[in-house]
Each structure stands twice: as C-alpha cells, then as structure tokens.
Amino acid sequence: MKGFRSPGAAQRFLSVFSGVSPHFRPRRQLMPAHHYRAEMTVRFAIWEQITGVAGLSTTA
C-alpha cells in the first residue's frame, strides 16, 4: 500500500489525486515550450486561487 495506513486512506487520496493530477500535466508533446510555460503559469495561478496559497505569508 506504499505507506498508506489503510486501503480507505489510499482510496481517499487517490480519488482526490486523480482529479488534481491532470491539471498539472498538460499534453506537453502537443505544444511548443513557450506555450507550455505560459499554460503552466496560468494553471499554477488558478491553483493558488483555489487553495488560497496566494494569500499566505511566507515568513515564519
């Protein structure tokens, strides 16, 4: 089970991961590098808005 405590924990993680993972894996072979970089910039900005990471302080 690769470090998961139970099959249920693995299932909960995988159910979320399967929805998030494609967001960060565009079909790279189908686009030039500059389009890929621009697309990833947009996708990470969207992710920061969704998760609220953009509003967090980086100082400890």
PDB file of N, CA and C in Angstrom:
ATOM      1  N   MET A   1       0.829  -1.205   0.000  1.00  0.00           N
ATOM      2  CA  MET A   1       0.000   0.000   0.000  1.00  0.00           C
ATOM      3  C   MET A   1       0.864   1.254   0.000  1.00  0.00           C
ATOM      4  N   LYS A   2       2.158   1.109  -0.161  1.00  0.00           N
ATOM      5  CA  LYS A   2       3.070   2.241  -0.336  1.00  0.00           C
ATOM      6  C   LYS A   2       2.948   3.310   0.746  1.00  0.00           C
ATOM      7  N   GLY A   3       2.867   2.898   2.006  1.00  0.00           N
ATOM      8  CA  GLY A   3       2.884   3.854   3.102  1.00  0.00           C
ATOM      9  C   GLY A   3       1.534   4.332   3.599  1.00  0.00           C
ATOM     10  N   PHE A   4       0.455   3.906   2.981  1.00  0.00           N
ATOM     11  CA  PHE A   4      -0.869   4.282   3.469  1.00  0.00           C
ATOM     12  C   PHE A   4      -1.240   3.379   4.637  1.00  0.00           C
ATOM     13  N   ARG A   5      -1.944   3.924   5.595  1.00  0.00           N
ATOM     14  CA  ARG A   5      -2.295   3.162   6.795  1.00  0.00           C
ATOM     15  C   ARG A   5      -3.412   2.156   6.543  1.00  0.00           C
ATOM     16  N   SER A   6      -4.249   2.438   5.574  1.00  0.00           N
ATOM     17  CA  SER A   6      -5.358   1.523   5.307  1.00  0.00           C
ATOM     18  C   SER A   6      -5.768   1.662   3.846  1.00  0.00           C
ATOM     19  N   PRO A   7      -6.489   0.673   3.339  1.00  0.00           N
ATOM     20  CA  PRO A   7      -6.993   0.793   1.966  1.00  0.00           C
ATOM     21  C   PRO A   7      -7.922   2.003   1.802  1.00  0.00           C
ATOM     22  N   GLY A   8      -8.662   2.348   2.848  1.00  0.00           N
ATOM     23  CA  GLY A   8      -9.553   3.509   2.771  1.00  0.00           C
ATOM     24  C   GLY A   8      -8.785   4.807   2.630  1.00  0.00           C
ATOM     25  N   ALA A   9      -7.661   4.911   3.347  1.00  0.00           N
ATOM     26  CA  ALA A   9      -6.828   6.112   3.245  1.00  0.00           C
ATOM     27  C   ALA A   9      -6.239   6.231   1.845  1.00  0.00           C
ATOM     28  N   ALA A  10      -5.798   5.116   1.305  1.00  0.00           N
ATOM     29  CA  ALA A  10      -5.270   5.118  -0.055  1.00  0.00           C
ATOM     30  C   ALA A  10      -6.355   5.538  -1.048  1.00  0.00           C
ATOM     31  N   GLN A  11      -7.546   5.021  -0.882  1.00  0.00           N
ATOM     32  CA  GLN A  11      -8.652   5.353  -1.787  1.00  0.00           C
ATOM     33  C   GLN A  11      -9.018   6.820  -1.705  1.00  0.00           C
ATOM     34  N   ARG A  12      -9.052   7.392  -0.495  1.00  0.00           N
ATOM     35  CA  ARG A  12      -9.377   8.817  -0.343  1.00  0.00           C
ATOM     36  C   ARG A  12      -8.333   9.683  -1.037  1.00  0.00           C
ATOM     37  N   PHE A  13      -7.061   9.347  -0.846  1.00  0.00           N
ATOM     38  CA  PHE A  13      -6.001  10.111  -1.502  1.00  0.00           C
ATOM     39  C   PHE A  13      -6.108   9.999  -3.019  1.00  0.00           C
ATOM     40  N   LEU A  14      -6.251   8.780  -3.515  1.00  0.00           N
ATOM     41  CA  LEU A  14      -6.279   8.571  -4.958  1.00  0.00           C
ATOM     42  C   LEU A  14      -7.501   9.202  -5.615  1.00  0.00           C
ATOM     43  N   SER A  15      -8.618   9.263  -4.915  1.00  0.00           N
ATOM     44  CA  SER A  15      -9.804   9.876  -5.511  1.00  0.00           C
ATOM     45  C   SER A  15      -9.598  11.381  -5.705  1.00  0.00           C
ATOM     46  N   VAL A  16      -8.894  12.016  -4.783  1.00  0.00           N
ATOM     47  CA  VAL A  16      -8.597  13.444  -4.930  1.00  0.00           C
ATOM     48  C   VAL A  16      -7.474  13.636  -5.944  1.00  0.00           C
ATOM     49  N   PHE A  17      -6.424  12.826  -5.845  1.00  0.00           N
ATOM     50  CA  PHE A  17      -5.264  12.962  -6.712  1.00  0.00           C
ATOM     51  C   PHE A  17      -5.636  12.801  -8.182  1.00  0.00           C
ATOM     52  N   SER A  18      -6.559  11.905  -8.472  1.00  0.00           N
ATOM     53  CA  SER A  18      -6.945  11.671  -9.867  1.00  0.00           C
ATOM     54  C   SER A  18      -7.622  12.893 -10.481  1.00  0.00           C
ATOM     55  N   GLY A  19      -8.236  13.733  -9.670  1.00  0.00           N
ATOM     56  CA  GLY A  19      -8.856  14.945 -10.197  1.00  0.00           C
ATOM     57  C   GLY A  19      -7.894  16.112 -10.314  1.00  0.00           C
ATOM     58  N   VAL A  20      -6.877  16.137  -9.453  1.00  0.00           N
ATOM     59  CA  VAL A  20      -5.934  17.256  -9.425  1.00  0.00           C
ATOM     60  C   VAL A  20      -4.771  17.036 -10.390  1.00  0.00           C
ATOM     61  N   SER A  21      -4.314  15.820 -10.485  1.00  0.00           N
ATOM     62  CA  SER A  21      -3.124  15.496 -11.261  1.00  0.00           C
ATOM     63  C   SER A  21      -3.159  15.983 -12.720  1.00  0.00           C
ATOM     64  N   PRO A  22      -4.231  15.767 -13.468  1.00  0.00           N
ATOM     65  CA  PRO A  22      -4.238  16.211 -14.861  1.00  0.00           C
ATOM     66  C   PRO A  22      -4.105  17.737 -15.014  1.00  0.00           C
ATOM     67  N   HIS A  23      -4.459  18.467 -13.971  1.00  0.00           N
ATOM     68  CA  HIS A  23      -4.348  19.930 -14.019  1.00  0.00           C
ATOM     69  C   HIS A  23      -2.895  20.357 -14.216  1.00  0.00           C
ATOM     70  N   PHE A  24      -1.948  19.580 -13.699  1.00  0.00           N
ATOM     71  CA  PHE A  24      -0.538  19.924 -13.780  1.00  0.00           C
ATOM     72  C   PHE A  24       0.225  19.107 -14.806  1.00  0.00           C
ATOM     73  N   ARG A  25      -0.486  18.382 -15.646  1.00  0.00           N
ATOM     74  CA  ARG A  25       0.174  17.594 -16.679  1.00  0.00           C
ATOM     75  C   ARG A  25      -0.496  17.821 -18.034  1.00  0.00           C
ATOM     76  N   PRO A  26      -0.255  18.972 -18.647  1.00  0.00           N
ATOM     77  CA  PRO A  26      -0.826  19.176 -19.978  1.00  0.00           C
ATOM     78  C   PRO A  26      -0.123  18.273 -20.991  1.00  0.00           C
ATOM     79  N   ARG A  27      -0.706  18.116 -22.120  1.00  0.00           N
ATOM     80  CA  ARG A  27      -0.151  17.256 -23.163  1.00  0.00           C
ATOM     81  C   ARG A  27       1.064  17.950 -23.771  1.00  0.00           C
ATOM     82  N   ARG A  28       2.206  17.850 -23.092  1.00  0.00           N
ATOM     83  CA  ARG A  28       3.420  18.578 -23.440  1.00  0.00           C
ATOM     84  C   ARG A  28       3.875  18.316 -24.869  1.00  0.00           C
ATOM     85  N   GLN A  29       3.751  17.106 -25.336  1.00  0.00           N
ATOM     86  CA  GLN A  29       4.246  16.769 -26.665  1.00  0.00           C
ATOM     87  C   GLN A  29       3.465  17.474 -27.771  1.00  0.00           C
ATOM     88  N   LEU A  30       2.319  18.045 -27.425  1.00  0.00           N
ATOM     89  CA  LEU A  30       1.481  18.678 -28.430  1.00  0.00           C
ATOM     90  C   LEU A  30       1.665  20.190 -28.513  1.00  0.00           C
ATOM     91  N   MET A  31       2.596  20.768 -27.722  1.00  0.00           N
ATOM     92  CA  MET A  31       2.747  22.218 -27.731  1.00  0.00           C
ATOM     93  C   MET A  31       4.211  22.618 -27.625  1.00  0.00           C
ATOM     94  N   PRO A  32       4.549  23.764 -28.223  1.00  0.00           N
ATOM     95  CA  PRO A  32       5.925  24.255 -28.103  1.00  0.00           C
ATOM     96  C   PRO A  32       6.214  24.714 -26.672  1.00  0.00           C
ATOM     97  N   ALA A  33       7.495  24.848 -26.347  1.00  0.00           N
ATOM     98  CA  ALA A  33       7.932  25.158 -24.986  1.00  0.00           C
ATOM     99  C   ALA A  33       7.336  26.456 -24.468  1.00  0.00           C
ATOM    100  N   HIS A  34       7.271  27.499 -25.289  1.00  0.00           N
ATOM    101  CA  HIS A  34       6.752  28.778 -24.786  1.00  0.00           C
ATOM    102  C   HIS A  34       5.257  28.695 -24.463  1.00  0.00           C
ATOM    103  N   HIS A  35       4.514  27.883 -25.201  1.00  0.00           N
ATOM    104  CA  HIS A  35       3.096  27.684 -24.876  1.00  0.00           C
ATOM    105  C   HIS A  35       2.949  26.875 -23.586  1.00  0.00           C
ATOM    106  N   TYR A  36       3.815  25.874 -23.417  1.00  0.00           N
ATOM    107  CA  TYR A  36       3.785  25.058 -22.214  1.00  0.00           C
ATOM    108  C   TYR A  36       4.055  25.921 -20.977  1.00  0.00           C
ATOM    109  N   ARG A  37       5.089  26.773 -21.042  1.00  0.00           N
ATOM    110  CA  ARG A  37       5.409  27.637 -19.904  1.00  0.00           C
ATOM    111  C   ARG A  37       4.265  28.585 -19.584  1.00  0.00           C
ATOM    112  N   ALA A  38       3.656  29.156 -20.603  1.00  0.00           N
ATOM    113  CA  ALA A  38       2.528  30.068 -20.388  1.00  0.00           C
ATOM    114  C   ALA A  38       1.344  29.319 -19.785  1.00  0.00           C
ATOM    115  N   GLU A  39       1.072  28.138 -20.275  1.00  0.00           N
ATOM    116  CA  GLU A  39      -0.041  27.326 -19.763  1.00  0.00           C
ATOM    117  C   GLU A  39       0.185  26.948 -18.306  1.00  0.00           C
ATOM    118  N   MET A  40       1.400  26.548 -17.960  1.00  0.00           N
ATOM    119  CA  MET A  40       1.687  26.173 -16.582  1.00  0.00           C
ATOM    120  C   MET A  40       1.610  27.378 -15.648  1.00  0.00           C
ATOM    121  N   THR A  41       2.002  28.548 -16.114  1.00  0.00           N
ATOM    122  CA  THR A  41       1.877  29.764 -15.310  1.00  0.00           C
ATOM    123  C   THR A  41       0.415  30.024 -14.980  1.00  0.00           C
ATOM    124  N   VAL A  42      -0.440  29.892 -15.962  1.00  0.00           N
ATOM    125  CA  VAL A  42      -1.877  30.080 -15.752  1.00  0.00           C
ATOM    126  C   VAL A  42      -2.419  29.019 -14.798  1.00  0.00           C
ATOM    127  N   ARG A  43      -2.036  27.765 -14.997  1.00  0.00           N
ATOM    128  CA  ARG A  43      -2.553  26.686 -14.157  1.00  0.00           C
ATOM    129  C   ARG A  43      -2.118  26.839 -12.703  1.00  0.00           C
ATOM    130  N   PHE A  44      -0.871  27.252 -12.464  1.00  0.00           N
ATOM    131  CA  PHE A  44      -0.431  27.444 -11.082  1.00  0.00           C
ATOM    132  C   PHE A  44      -1.123  28.646 -10.452  1.00  0.00           C
ATOM    133  N   ALA A  45      -1.405  29.689 -11.222  1.00  0.00           N
ATOM    134  CA  ALA A  45      -2.139  30.835 -10.695  1.00  0.00           C
ATOM    135  C   ALA A  45      -3.554  30.409 -10.280  1.00  0.00           C
ATOM    136  N   ILE A  46      -4.195  29.605 -11.096  1.00  0.00           N
ATOM    137  CA  ILE A  46      -5.532  29.093 -10.763  1.00  0.00           C
ATOM    138  C   ILE A  46      -5.462  28.240  -9.494  1.00  0.00           C
ATOM    139  N   TRP A  47      -4.452  27.381  -9.407  1.00  0.00           N
ATOM    140  CA  TRP A  47      -4.305  26.523  -8.237  1.00  0.00           C
ATOM    141  C   TRP A  47      -4.112  27.359  -6.967  1.00  0.00           C
ATOM    142  N   GLU A  48      -3.316  28.408  -7.055  1.00  0.00           N
ATOM    143  CA  GLU A  48      -3.100  29.279  -5.895  1.00  0.00           C
ATOM    144  C   GLU A  48      -4.396  29.962  -5.473  1.00  0.00           C
ATOM    145  N   GLN A  49      -5.220  30.367  -6.430  1.00  0.00           N
ATOM    146  CA  GLN A  49      -6.505  30.979  -6.095  1.00  0.00           C
ATOM    147  C   GLN A  49      -7.439  29.977  -5.419  1.00  0.00           C
ATOM    148  N   ILE A  50      -7.478  28.764  -5.939  1.00  0.00           N
ATOM    149  CA  ILE A  50      -8.368  27.743  -5.402  1.00  0.00           C
ATOM    150  C   ILE A  50      -7.969  27.346  -3.986  1.00  0.00           C
ATOM    151  N   THR A  51      -6.675  27.162  -3.771  1.00  0.00           N
ATOM    152  CA  THR A  51      -6.212  26.674  -2.474  1.00  0.00           C
ATOM    153  C   THR A  51      -6.000  27.795  -1.466  1.00  0.00           C
ATOM    154  N   GLY A  52      -5.951  29.035  -1.908  1.00  0.00           N
ATOM    155  CA  GLY A  52      -5.745  30.152  -1.008  1.00  0.00           C
ATOM    156  C   GLY A  52      -4.280  30.351  -0.622  1.00  0.00           C
ATOM    157  N   VAL A  53      -3.371  29.697  -1.337  1.00  0.00           N
ATOM    158  CA  VAL A  53      -1.956  29.797  -1.047  1.00  0.00           C
ATOM    159  C   VAL A  53      -1.427  31.198  -1.331  1.00  0.00           C
ATOM    160  N   ALA A  54      -2.008  31.883  -2.283  1.00  0.00           N
ATOM    161  CA  ALA A  54      -1.509  33.203  -2.673  1.00  0.00           C
ATOM    162  C   ALA A  54      -1.619  34.206  -1.532  1.00  0.00           C
ATOM    163  N   GLY A  55      -2.575  34.037  -0.625  1.00  0.00           N
ATOM    164  CA  GLY A  55      -2.776  34.978   0.458  1.00  0.00           C
ATOM    165  C   GLY A  55      -1.971  34.676   1.716  1.00  0.00           C
ATOM    166  N   LEU A  56      -1.235  33.553   1.726  1.00  0.00           N
ATOM    167  CA  LEU A  56      -0.476  33.172   2.907  1.00  0.00           C
ATOM    168  C   LEU A  56       0.860  33.882   2.967  1.00  0.00           C
ATOM    169  N   SER A  57       1.318  34.174   4.161  1.00  0.00           N
ATOM    170  CA  SER A  57       2.617  34.806   4.373  1.00  0.00           C
ATOM    171  C   SER A  57       3.706  33.748   4.284  1.00  0.00           C
ATOM    172  N   THR A  58       4.856  34.111   3.709  1.00  0.00           N
ATOM    173  CA  THR A  58       5.961  33.163   3.570  1.00  0.00           C
ATOM    174  C   THR A  58       6.963  33.295   4.696  1.00  0.00           C
ATOM    175  N   THR A  59       6.794  34.274   5.588  1.00  0.00           N
ATOM    176  CA  THR A  59       7.714  34.425   6.708  1.00  0.00           C
ATOM    177  C   THR A  59       7.292  33.538   7.866  1.00  0.00           C
ATOM    178  N   ALA A  60       8.289  32.986   8.531  1.00  0.00           N
ATOM    179  CA  ALA A  60       7.973  32.074   9.644  1.00  0.00           C
ATOM    180  C   ALA A  60       8.126  32.744  10.977  1.00  0.00           C
TER     181      ALA A  60
END
